[in-house]
């Protein structure tokens, strides 16, 4: 494999996490799908780092780029949903936590 420079590796980590961040925005927090959306890119980034010959010293940069990609993906997803609801006139669909639907609530 060709050796990737650190900036290219960081950009790959960022770009790889954008769709996973958008997917994470659609899932219930702390569910299996949420966990997968956060962690599925890690083996790919690890493989790219090892194969390109970089040591553990680049890991903080890759983690920062991955977090930024996750946040960017969820932000872009929410912007797209807001624009879509504004265009159709429909209210924005906001996921409601499961405990608010419980019949045991004391309201």
Protein backbone atom coordinates (compact mmCIF):
# COMPACT_ATOMS: atom_id res chain seq x y z
CA UNK A 1 0.00 0.00 0.00
CA UNK A 2 1.24 3.48 -0.72
CA UNK A 3 2.23 5.54 2.24
CA UNK A 4 -0.45 8.07 3.13
CA UNK A 5 0.65 11.38 4.55
CA UNK A 6 -0.78 12.43 7.89
CA UNK A 7 -3.04 15.18 6.46
CA UNK A 8 -4.48 12.76 3.89
CA UNK A 9 -5.06 10.14 6.60
CA UNK A 10 -6.81 12.73 8.78
CA UNK A 11 -9.03 13.81 5.86
CA UNK A 12 -9.93 10.19 5.16
CA UNK A 13 -10.89 9.69 8.82
CA UNK A 14 -13.04 12.84 8.70
CA UNK A 15 -14.74 11.95 5.42
CA UNK A 16 -15.32 8.34 6.45
CA UNK A 17 -17.17 9.40 9.61
CA UNK A 18 -19.55 11.91 7.97
CA UNK A 19 -22.06 9.28 6.74
CA UNK A 20 -21.75 7.39 10.02
CA UNK A 21 -22.53 10.63 11.89
CA UNK A 22 -25.64 11.12 9.77
CA UNK A 23 -26.67 7.55 10.49
CA UNK A 24 -26.02 8.06 14.21
CA UNK A 25 -28.37 11.06 14.18
CA UNK A 26 -31.23 8.77 13.16
CA UNK A 27 -30.71 6.17 15.88
CA UNK A 28 -31.77 5.96 19.50
CA UNK A 29 -28.95 6.90 21.82
CA UNK A 30 -27.00 4.00 23.37
CA UNK A 31 -28.69 1.44 21.13
CA UNK A 32 -26.81 -1.17 19.11
CA UNK A 33 -27.22 0.85 15.90
CA UNK A 34 -25.91 3.97 17.67
CA UNK A 35 -22.89 2.01 18.90
CA UNK A 36 -22.24 0.65 15.41
CA UNK A 37 -22.53 4.09 13.84
CA UNK A 38 -19.84 5.32 16.21
CA UNK A 39 -17.45 2.40 15.89
CA UNK A 40 -17.68 0.84 12.42
CA UNK A 41 -15.14 3.24 10.92
CA UNK A 42 -12.47 2.47 13.54
CA UNK A 43 -11.14 -0.79 12.00
CA UNK A 44 -10.87 0.88 8.59
CA UNK A 45 -8.95 3.84 10.00
CA UNK A 46 -6.75 1.52 12.05
CA UNK A 47 -5.93 -0.56 8.97
CA UNK A 48 -5.08 2.57 6.95
CA UNK A 49 -2.84 3.87 9.74
CA UNK A 50 -0.95 0.60 10.17
CA UNK A 51 -0.60 -0.09 6.45
CA UNK A 52 0.71 3.41 5.77
CA UNK A 53 3.40 2.96 8.41
CA UNK A 54 2.32 5.55 10.97
CA UNK A 55 2.90 4.97 14.67
CA UNK A 56 0.49 5.46 17.54
CA UNK A 57 1.43 9.17 17.66
CA UNK A 58 -1.14 10.06 14.99
CA UNK A 59 -4.02 8.48 16.90
CA UNK A 60 -5.06 11.74 18.67
CA UNK A 61 -5.33 13.45 15.28
CA UNK A 62 -7.38 10.59 13.89
CA UNK A 63 -9.69 10.57 16.90
CA UNK A 64 -10.22 14.33 16.59
CA UNK A 65 -10.94 13.98 12.86
CA UNK A 66 -13.35 11.11 13.53
CA UNK A 67 -15.25 13.09 16.15
CA UNK A 68 -15.38 16.08 13.82
CA UNK A 69 -16.72 13.84 11.03
CA UNK A 70 -19.39 12.41 13.33
CA UNK A 71 -20.49 15.89 14.41
CA UNK A 72 -20.42 17.22 10.86
CA UNK A 73 -22.49 14.29 9.61
CA UNK A 74 -25.15 14.71 12.28
CA UNK A 75 -25.21 18.48 11.72
CA UNK A 76 -25.60 18.05 7.95
CA UNK A 77 -28.37 15.50 8.49
CA UNK A 78 -30.31 17.80 10.81
CA UNK A 79 -29.88 20.73 8.38
CA UNK A 80 -31.13 18.58 5.53
CA UNK A 81 -34.15 17.44 7.56
CA UNK A 82 -34.95 21.03 8.55
CA UNK A 83 -34.75 22.18 4.93
CA UNK A 84 -36.90 19.27 3.82
CA UNK A 85 -39.57 20.02 6.43
CA UNK A 86 -39.52 23.72 5.58
CA UNK A 87 -40.02 22.94 1.90
CA UNK A 88 -42.97 20.63 2.53
CA UNK A 89 -44.47 22.58 5.42
CA UNK A 90 -44.46 19.48 7.59
CA UNK A 91 -43.30 19.73 11.19
CA UNK A 92 -39.79 18.55 11.92
CA UNK A 93 -39.77 14.95 13.15
CA UNK A 94 -37.98 14.86 16.49
CA UNK A 95 -37.36 11.47 18.08
CA UNK A 96 -39.06 11.20 21.46
CA UNK A 97 -37.35 9.15 24.18
CA UNK A 98 -39.13 5.91 24.98
CA UNK A 99 -39.73 6.79 28.64
CA UNK A 100 -42.01 9.69 27.68
CA UNK A 101 -44.45 7.24 26.15
CA UNK A 102 -44.59 5.16 29.28
CA UNK A 103 -47.95 4.74 30.98
CA UNK A 104 -46.17 4.89 34.34
CA UNK A 105 -45.35 8.60 34.06
CA UNK A 106 -46.58 10.93 36.80
CA UNK A 107 -47.85 13.92 34.89
